[in-house]
Amino acid sequence: MSCAYFTTIPEKGNAHIKVRGQAVKSLRTIWDLADVFCGKIPDYAETIEQVGQVLIVYEIHVDQAVVTIDMEHTETLIWQ
């Protein structure tokens, strides 16, 4: 496992979420998730077909999120 961090990018204003978690190699394969990926990006089916055997799926297990609505409203959420 390794630490993973990401932040959403607001479409407008300052509302965003910063997340901390652990990146863990998934028990699922790219073929298990192919319908989801291809539902969003139909051309991804070709990528999966060509190089699916070398694609590794990771999950991010979230333990903390900082939710910011605006400069005056921020809250930290922690899961254990």
PDB file of N, CA and C in Angstrom:
ATOM      1  N   MET A   1       0.835  -1.181   0.000  1.00  0.00           N
ATOM      2  CA  MET A   1       0.000   0.000   0.000  1.00  0.00           C
ATOM      3  C   MET A   1       0.876   1.239   0.000  1.00  0.00           C
ATOM      4  N   SER A   2       0.342   2.288  -0.603  1.00  0.00           N
ATOM      5  CA  SER A   2       1.031   3.568  -0.558  1.00  0.00           C
ATOM      6  C   SER A   2      -0.012   4.671  -0.427  1.00  0.00           C
ATOM      7  N   CYS A   3       0.427   5.811   0.102  1.00  0.00           N
ATOM      8  CA  CYS A   3      -0.488   6.937   0.275  1.00  0.00           C
ATOM      9  C   CYS A   3      -0.938   7.464  -1.075  1.00  0.00           C
ATOM     10  N   ALA A   4      -2.188   7.877  -1.116  1.00  0.00           N
ATOM     11  CA  ALA A   4      -2.752   8.457  -2.335  1.00  0.00           C
ATOM     12  C   ALA A   4      -3.497   9.728  -1.943  1.00  0.00           C
ATOM     13  N   TYR A   5      -3.295  10.766  -2.721  1.00  0.00           N
ATOM     14  CA  TYR A   5      -3.966  12.038  -2.495  1.00  0.00           C
ATOM     15  C   TYR A   5      -4.535  12.519  -3.812  1.00  0.00           C
ATOM     16  N   PHE A   6      -5.701  13.136  -3.768  1.00  0.00           N
ATOM     17  CA  PHE A   6      -6.213  13.805  -4.956  1.00  0.00           C
ATOM     18  C   PHE A   6      -7.169  14.911  -4.533  1.00  0.00           C
ATOM     19  N   THR A   7      -7.373  15.840  -5.436  1.00  0.00           N
ATOM     20  CA  THR A   7      -8.267  16.972  -5.211  1.00  0.00           C
ATOM     21  C   THR A   7      -9.185  17.107  -6.410  1.00  0.00           C
ATOM     22  N   THR A   8     -10.458  17.358  -6.141  1.00  0.00           N
ATOM     23  CA  THR A   8     -11.368  17.655  -7.241  1.00  0.00           C
ATOM     24  C   THR A   8     -11.085  19.068  -7.730  1.00  0.00           C
ATOM     25  N   ILE A   9     -11.423  19.352  -8.966  1.00  0.00           N
ATOM     26  CA  ILE A   9     -11.216  20.681  -9.542  1.00  0.00           C
ATOM     27  C   ILE A   9     -12.591  21.317  -9.722  1.00  0.00           C
ATOM     28  N   PRO A  10     -12.819  22.469  -9.058  1.00  0.00           N
ATOM     29  CA  PRO A  10     -14.140  23.087  -9.142  1.00  0.00           C
ATOM     30  C   PRO A  10     -14.438  23.614 -10.544  1.00  0.00           C
ATOM     31  N   GLU A  11     -15.694  23.438 -10.961  1.00  0.00           N
ATOM     32  CA  GLU A  11     -16.110  24.006 -12.239  1.00  0.00           C
ATOM     33  C   GLU A  11     -16.225  25.519 -12.127  1.00  0.00           C
ATOM     34  N   LYS A  12     -16.659  25.980 -10.958  1.00  0.00           N
ATOM     35  CA  LYS A  12     -16.711  27.420 -10.686  1.00  0.00           C
ATOM     36  C   LYS A  12     -16.630  27.599  -9.184  1.00  0.00           C
ATOM     37  N   GLY A  13     -16.247  28.764  -8.767  1.00  0.00           N
ATOM     38  CA  GLY A  13     -16.132  29.024  -7.339  1.00  0.00           C
ATOM     39  C   GLY A  13     -14.986  28.260  -6.716  1.00  0.00           C
ATOM     40  N   ASN A  14     -15.091  28.036  -5.409  1.00  0.00           N
ATOM     41  CA  ASN A  14     -14.010  27.412  -4.653  1.00  0.00           C
ATOM     42  C   ASN A  14     -14.376  26.031  -4.109  1.00  0.00           C
ATOM     43  N   ALA A  15     -15.601  25.558  -4.330  1.00  0.00           N
ATOM     44  CA  ALA A  15     -16.031  24.276  -3.766  1.00  0.00           C
ATOM     45  C   ALA A  15     -15.186  23.133  -4.323  1.00  0.00           C
ATOM     46  N   HIS A  16     -14.572  22.364  -3.424  1.00  0.00           N
ATOM     47  CA  HIS A  16     -13.755  21.234  -3.837  1.00  0.00           C
ATOM     48  C   HIS A  16     -13.565  20.273  -2.668  1.00  0.00           C
ATOM     49  N   ILE A  17     -13.011  19.107  -2.960  1.00  0.00           N
ATOM     50  CA  ILE A  17     -12.724  18.105  -1.939  1.00  0.00           C
ATOM     51  C   ILE A  17     -11.284  17.635  -2.116  1.00  0.00           C
ATOM     52  N   LYS A  18     -10.541  17.599  -1.007  1.00  0.00           N
ATOM     53  CA  LYS A  18      -9.194  17.025  -0.988  1.00  0.00           C
ATOM     54  C   LYS A  18      -9.293  15.715  -0.211  1.00  0.00           C
ATOM     55  N   VAL A  19      -8.736  14.635  -0.779  1.00  0.00           N
ATOM     56  CA  VAL A  19      -8.897  13.310  -0.197  1.00  0.00           C
ATOM     57  C   VAL A  19      -7.539  12.673   0.071  1.00  0.00           C
ATOM     58  N   ARG A  20      -7.466  11.951   1.197  1.00  0.00           N
ATOM     59  CA  ARG A  20      -6.277  11.161   1.523  1.00  0.00           C
ATOM     60  C   ARG A  20      -6.712   9.720   1.705  1.00  0.00           C
ATOM     61  N   GLY A  21      -5.910   8.795   1.214  1.00  0.00           N
ATOM     62  CA  GLY A  21      -6.224   7.383   1.379  1.00  0.00           C
ATOM     63  C   GLY A  21      -5.027   6.514   1.071  1.00  0.00           C
ATOM     64  N   GLN A  22      -5.294   5.240   0.875  1.00  0.00           N
ATOM     65  CA  GLN A  22      -4.263   4.268   0.545  1.00  0.00           C
ATOM     66  C   GLN A  22      -4.568   3.664  -0.820  1.00  0.00           C
ATOM     67  N   ALA A  23      -3.566   3.629  -1.681  1.00  0.00           N
ATOM     68  CA  ALA A  23      -3.710   2.967  -2.982  1.00  0.00           C
ATOM     69  C   ALA A  23      -3.393   1.488  -2.785  1.00  0.00           C
ATOM     70  N   VAL A  24      -4.347   0.640  -3.167  1.00  0.00           N
ATOM     71  CA  VAL A  24      -4.226  -0.806  -2.969  1.00  0.00           C
ATOM     72  C   VAL A  24      -4.500  -1.504  -4.296  1.00  0.00           C
ATOM     73  N   LYS A  25      -3.644  -2.442  -4.653  1.00  0.00           N
ATOM     74  CA  LYS A  25      -3.888  -3.212  -5.872  1.00  0.00           C
ATOM     75  C   LYS A  25      -5.212  -3.945  -5.717  1.00  0.00           C
ATOM     76  N   SER A  26      -6.075  -3.792  -6.704  1.00  0.00           N
ATOM     77  CA  SER A  26      -7.418  -4.359  -6.652  1.00  0.00           C
ATOM     78  C   SER A  26      -7.422  -5.845  -6.970  1.00  0.00           C
ATOM     79  N   LEU A  27      -8.405  -6.539  -6.443  1.00  0.00           N
ATOM     80  CA  LEU A  27      -8.629  -7.935  -6.814  1.00  0.00           C
ATOM     81  C   LEU A  27      -9.355  -8.013  -8.154  1.00  0.00           C
ATOM     82  N   ARG A  28      -9.920  -6.887  -8.598  1.00  0.00           N
ATOM     83  CA  ARG A  28     -10.616  -6.821  -9.884  1.00  0.00           C
ATOM     84  C   ARG A  28      -9.602  -6.601 -11.008  1.00  0.00           C
ATOM     85  N   THR A  29      -9.978  -7.044 -12.182  1.00  0.00           N
ATOM     86  CA  THR A  29      -9.139  -6.826 -13.362  1.00  0.00           C
ATOM     87  C   THR A  29      -9.784  -5.752 -14.242  1.00  0.00           C
ATOM     88  N   ILE A  30      -9.058  -5.322 -15.236  1.00  0.00           N
ATOM     89  CA  ILE A  30      -9.612  -4.341 -16.170  1.00  0.00           C
ATOM     90  C   ILE A  30     -10.822  -4.930 -16.892  1.00  0.00           C
ATOM     91  N   TRP A  31     -10.835  -6.251 -17.087  1.00  0.00           N
ATOM     92  CA  TRP A  31     -11.978  -6.881 -17.754  1.00  0.00           C
ATOM     93  C   TRP A  31     -13.217  -6.866 -16.850  1.00  0.00           C
ATOM     94  N   ASP A  32     -13.016  -6.935 -15.530  1.00  0.00           N
ATOM     95  CA  ASP A  32     -14.140  -6.836 -14.600  1.00  0.00           C
ATOM     96  C   ASP A  32     -14.812  -5.467 -14.692  1.00  0.00           C
ATOM     97  N   LEU A  33     -14.043  -4.450 -15.029  1.00  0.00           N
ATOM     98  CA  LEU A  33     -14.533  -3.068 -15.057  1.00  0.00           C
ATOM     99  C   LEU A  33     -14.716  -2.529 -16.473  1.00  0.00           C
ATOM    100  N   ALA A  34     -14.526  -3.353 -17.461  1.00  0.00           N
ATOM    101  CA  ALA A  34     -14.555  -2.905 -18.863  1.00  0.00           C
ATOM    102  C   ALA A  34     -15.861  -2.200 -19.221  1.00  0.00           C
ATOM    103  N   ASP A  35     -16.992  -2.731 -18.777  1.00  0.00           N
ATOM    104  CA  ASP A  35     -18.283  -2.107 -19.108  1.00  0.00           C
ATOM    105  C   ASP A  35     -18.368  -0.679 -18.572  1.00  0.00           C
ATOM    106  N   VAL A  36     -17.840  -0.469 -17.375  1.00  0.00           N
ATOM    107  CA  VAL A  36     -17.866   0.876 -16.780  1.00  0.00           C
ATOM    108  C   VAL A  36     -16.978   1.827 -17.579  1.00  0.00           C
ATOM    109  N   PHE A  37     -15.750   1.403 -17.845  1.00  0.00           N
ATOM    110  CA  PHE A  37     -14.837   2.255 -18.619  1.00  0.00           C
ATOM    111  C   PHE A  37     -15.396   2.553 -20.006  1.00  0.00           C
ATOM    112  N   CYS A  38     -15.863   1.519 -20.682  1.00  0.00           N
ATOM    113  CA  CYS A  38     -16.345   1.685 -22.055  1.00  0.00           C
ATOM    114  C   CYS A  38     -17.662   2.452 -22.101  1.00  0.00           C
ATOM    115  N   GLY A  39     -18.432   2.404 -21.026  1.00  0.00           N
ATOM    116  CA  GLY A  39     -19.647   3.201 -20.955  1.00  0.00           C
ATOM    117  C   GLY A  39     -19.350   4.695 -20.947  1.00  0.00           C
ATOM    118  N   LYS A  40     -18.217   5.058 -20.362  1.00  0.00           N
ATOM    119  CA  LYS A  40     -17.811   6.465 -20.320  1.00  0.00           C
ATOM    120  C   LYS A  40     -16.971   6.849 -21.529  1.00  0.00           C
ATOM    121  N   ILE A  41     -16.117   5.924 -21.974  1.00  0.00           N
ATOM    122  CA  ILE A  41     -15.210   6.184 -23.093  1.00  0.00           C
ATOM    123  C   ILE A  41     -15.281   4.973 -24.028  1.00  0.00           C
ATOM    124  N   PRO A  42     -16.204   4.957 -24.980  1.00  0.00           N
ATOM    125  CA  PRO A  42     -16.399   3.777 -25.837  1.00  0.00           C
ATOM    126  C   PRO A  42     -15.122   3.295 -26.537  1.00  0.00           C
ATOM    127  N   ASP A  43     -14.262   4.201 -26.938  1.00  0.00           N
ATOM    128  CA  ASP A  43     -13.029   3.804 -27.628  1.00  0.00           C
ATOM    129  C   ASP A  43     -12.050   3.062 -26.720  1.00  0.00           C
ATOM    130  N   TYR A  44     -12.285   3.075 -25.411  1.00  0.00           N
ATOM    131  CA  TYR A  44     -11.380   2.395 -24.487  1.00  0.00           C
ATOM    132  C   TYR A  44     -11.420   0.881 -24.669  1.00  0.00           C
ATOM    133  N   ALA A  45     -12.477   0.370 -25.284  1.00  0.00           N
ATOM    134  CA  ALA A  45     -12.566  -1.069 -25.559  1.00  0.00           C
ATOM    135  C   ALA A  45     -11.369  -1.530 -26.386  1.00  0.00           C
ATOM    136  N   GLU A  46     -10.960  -0.716 -27.336  1.00  0.00           N
ATOM    137  CA  GLU A  46      -9.801  -1.061 -28.171  1.00  0.00           C
ATOM    138  C   GLU A  46      -8.525  -1.119 -27.334  1.00  0.00           C
ATOM    139  N   THR A  47      -8.361  -0.178 -26.417  1.00  0.00           N
ATOM    140  CA  THR A  47      -7.183  -0.173 -25.536  1.00  0.00           C
ATOM    141  C   THR A  47      -7.164  -1.424 -24.672  1.00  0.00           C
ATOM    142  N   ILE A  48      -8.318  -1.752 -24.080  1.00  0.00           N
ATOM    143  CA  ILE A  48      -8.393  -2.946 -23.236  1.00  0.00           C
ATOM    144  C   ILE A  48      -8.059  -4.193 -24.050  1.00  0.00           C
ATOM    145  N   GLU A  49      -8.576  -4.252 -25.241  1.00  0.00           N
ATOM    146  CA  GLU A  49      -8.316  -5.401 -26.109  1.00  0.00           C
ATOM    147  C   GLU A  49      -6.829  -5.538 -26.433  1.00  0.00           C
ATOM    148  N   GLN A  50      -6.165  -4.401 -26.692  1.00  0.00           N
ATOM    149  CA  GLN A  50      -4.761  -4.430 -27.113  1.00  0.00           C
ATOM    150  C   GLN A  50      -3.784  -4.623 -25.962  1.00  0.00           C
ATOM    151  N   VAL A  51      -4.025  -3.985 -24.822  1.00  0.00           N
ATOM    152  CA  VAL A  51      -3.035  -4.018 -23.737  1.00  0.00           C
ATOM    153  C   VAL A  51      -3.633  -4.368 -22.373  1.00  0.00           C
ATOM    154  N   GLY A  52      -4.841  -4.904 -22.366  1.00  0.00           N
ATOM    155  CA  GLY A  52      -5.503  -5.227 -21.103  1.00  0.00           C
ATOM    156  C   GLY A  52      -4.702  -6.125 -20.185  1.00  0.00           C
ATOM    157  N   GLN A  53      -3.914  -7.009 -20.744  1.00  0.00           N
ATOM    158  CA  GLN A  53      -3.136  -7.945 -19.927  1.00  0.00           C
ATOM    159  C   GLN A  53      -2.058  -7.260 -19.095  1.00  0.00           C
ATOM    160  N   VAL A  54      -1.683  -6.025 -19.430  1.00  0.00           N
ATOM    161  CA  VAL A  54      -0.654  -5.329 -18.646  1.00  0.00           C
ATOM    162  C   VAL A  54      -1.228  -4.174 -17.820  1.00  0.00           C
ATOM    163  N   LEU A  55      -2.527  -3.914 -17.927  1.00  0.00           N
ATOM    164  CA  LEU A  55      -3.144  -2.858 -17.127  1.00  0.00           C
ATOM    165  C   LEU A  55      -3.445  -3.390 -15.729  1.00  0.00           C
ATOM    166  N   ILE A  56      -3.052  -2.640 -14.716  1.00  0.00           N
ATOM    167  CA  ILE A  56      -3.260  -3.038 -13.323  1.00  0.00           C
ATOM    168  C   ILE A  56      -4.261  -2.069 -12.703  1.00  0.00           C
ATOM    169  N   VAL A  57      -5.272  -2.609 -12.046  1.00  0.00           N
ATOM    170  CA  VAL A  57      -6.307  -1.794 -11.417  1.00  0.00           C
ATOM    171  C   VAL A  57      -5.952  -1.584  -9.948  1.00  0.00           C
ATOM    172  N   TYR A  58      -6.029  -0.327  -9.509  1.00  0.00           N
ATOM    173  CA  TYR A  58      -5.832   0.021  -8.101  1.00  0.00           C
ATOM    174  C   TYR A  58      -7.102   0.645  -7.562  1.00  0.00           C
ATOM    175  N   GLU A  59      -7.326   0.488  -6.265  1.00  0.00           N
ATOM    176  CA  GLU A  59      -8.423   1.134  -5.568  1.00  0.00           C
ATOM    177  C   GLU A  59      -7.820   2.118  -4.577  1.00  0.00           C
ATOM    178  N   ILE A  60      -8.514   3.207  -4.344  1.00  0.00           N
ATOM    179  CA  ILE A  60      -8.086   4.143  -3.305  1.00  0.00           C
ATOM    180  C   ILE A  60      -9.061   4.000  -2.148  1.00  0.00           C
ATOM    181  N   HIS A  61      -8.559   3.523  -1.022  1.00  0.00           N
ATOM    182  CA  HIS A  61      -9.355   3.380   0.190  1.00  0.00           C
ATOM    183  C   HIS A  61      -9.211   4.688   0.974  1.00  0.00           C
ATOM    184  N   VAL A  62     -10.279   5.451   1.018  1.00  0.00           N
ATOM    185  CA  VAL A  62     -10.252   6.806   1.578  1.00  0.00           C
ATOM    186  C   VAL A  62     -10.376   6.762   3.098  1.00  0.00           C
ATOM    187  N   ASP A  63      -9.500   7.526   3.793  1.00  0.00           N
ATOM    188  CA  ASP A  63      -9.617   7.635   5.245  1.00  0.00           C
ATOM    189  C   ASP A  63      -9.826   9.068   5.729  1.00  0.00           C
ATOM    190  N   GLN A  64      -9.663  10.033   4.820  1.00  0.00           N
ATOM    191  CA  GLN A  64      -9.868  11.429   5.211  1.00  0.00           C
ATOM    192  C   GLN A  64     -10.239  12.264   3.997  1.00  0.00           C
ATOM    193  N   ALA A  65     -11.175  13.184   4.199  1.00  0.00           N
ATOM    194  CA  ALA A  65     -11.547  14.120   3.135  1.00  0.00           C
ATOM    195  C   ALA A  65     -11.765  15.498   3.755  1.00  0.00           C
ATOM    196  N   VAL A  66     -11.252  16.504   3.093  1.00  0.00           N
ATOM    197  CA  VAL A  66     -11.488  17.889   3.497  1.00  0.00           C
ATOM    198  C   VAL A  66     -12.439  18.477   2.468  1.00  0.00           C
ATOM    199  N   VAL A  67     -13.637  18.831   2.927  1.00  0.00           N
ATOM    200  CA  VAL A  67     -14.676  19.351   2.048  1.00  0.00           C
ATOM    201  C   VAL A  67     -14.735  20.865   2.222  1.00  0.00           C
ATOM    202  N   THR A  68     -14.529  21.582   1.121  1.00  0.00           N
ATOM    203  CA  THR A  68     -14.572  23.037   1.149  1.00  0.00           C
ATOM    204  C   THR A  68     -15.727  23.506   0.280  1.00  0.00           C
ATOM    205  N   ILE A  69     -16.657  24.242   0.887  1.00  0.00           N
ATOM    206  CA  ILE A  69     -17.775  24.817   0.152  1.00  0.00           C
ATOM    207  C   ILE A  69     -17.384  26.201  -0.363  1.00  0.00           C
ATOM    208  N   ASP A  70     -16.785  26.979   0.515  1.00  0.00           N
ATOM    209  CA  ASP A  70     -16.258  28.301   0.174  1.00  0.00           C
ATOM    210  C   ASP A  70     -15.211  28.645   1.221  1.00  0.00           C
ATOM    211  N   MET A  71     -14.658  29.831   1.183  1.00  0.00           N
ATOM    212  CA  MET A  71     -13.550  30.198   2.083  1.00  0.00           C
ATOM    213  C   MET A  71     -13.955  30.163   3.563  1.00  0.00           C
ATOM    214  N   GLU A  72     -15.231  30.273   3.871  1.00  0.00           N
ATOM    215  CA  GLU A  72     -15.689  30.267   5.253  1.00  0.00           C
ATOM    216  C   GLU A  72     -16.223  28.915   5.717  1.00  0.00           C
ATOM    217  N   HIS A  73     -16.423  27.972   4.817  1.00  0.00           N
ATOM    218  CA  HIS A  73     -17.054  26.704   5.170  1.00  0.00           C
ATOM    219  C   HIS A  73     -16.217  25.514   4.698  1.00  0.00           C
ATOM    220  N   THR A  74     -15.436  24.971   5.647  1.00  0.00           N
ATOM    221  CA  THR A  74     -14.581  23.817   5.380  1.00  0.00           C
ATOM    222  C   THR A  74     -14.737  22.831   6.530  1.00  0.00           C
ATOM    223  N   GLU A  75     -14.786  21.539   6.205  1.00  0.00           N
ATOM    224  CA  GLU A  75     -14.896  20.520   7.240  1.00  0.00           C
ATOM    225  C   GLU A  75     -14.044  19.321   6.867  1.00  0.00           C
ATOM    226  N   THR A  76     -13.392  18.737   7.860  1.00  0.00           N
ATOM    227  CA  THR A  76     -12.600  17.540   7.651  1.00  0.00           C
ATOM    228  C   THR A  76     -13.399  16.324   8.120  1.00  0.00           C
ATOM    229  N   LEU A  77     -13.517  15.338   7.256  1.00  0.00           N
ATOM    230  CA  LEU A  77     -14.210  14.085   7.560  1.00  0.00           C
ATOM    231  C   LEU A  77     -13.158  12.989   7.673  1.00  0.00           C
ATOM    232  N   ILE A  78     -13.240  12.179   8.732  1.00  0.00           N
ATOM    233  CA  ILE A  78     -12.257  11.120   8.959  1.00  0.00           C
ATOM    234  C   ILE A  78     -12.998   9.798   9.143  1.00  0.00           C
ATOM    235  N   TRP A  79     -12.558   8.763   8.426  1.00  0.00           N
ATOM    236  CA  TRP A  79     -13.088   7.410   8.556  1.00  0.00           C
ATOM    237  C   TRP A  79     -12.011   6.535   9.151  1.00  0.00           C
ATOM    238  N   GLN A  80     -12.414   5.573   9.954  1.00  0.00           N
ATOM    239  CA  GLN A  80     -11.436   4.655  10.535  1.00  0.00           C
ATOM    240  C   GLN A  80     -11.777   3.233  10.220  1.00  0.00           C
TER     241      GLN A  80
END
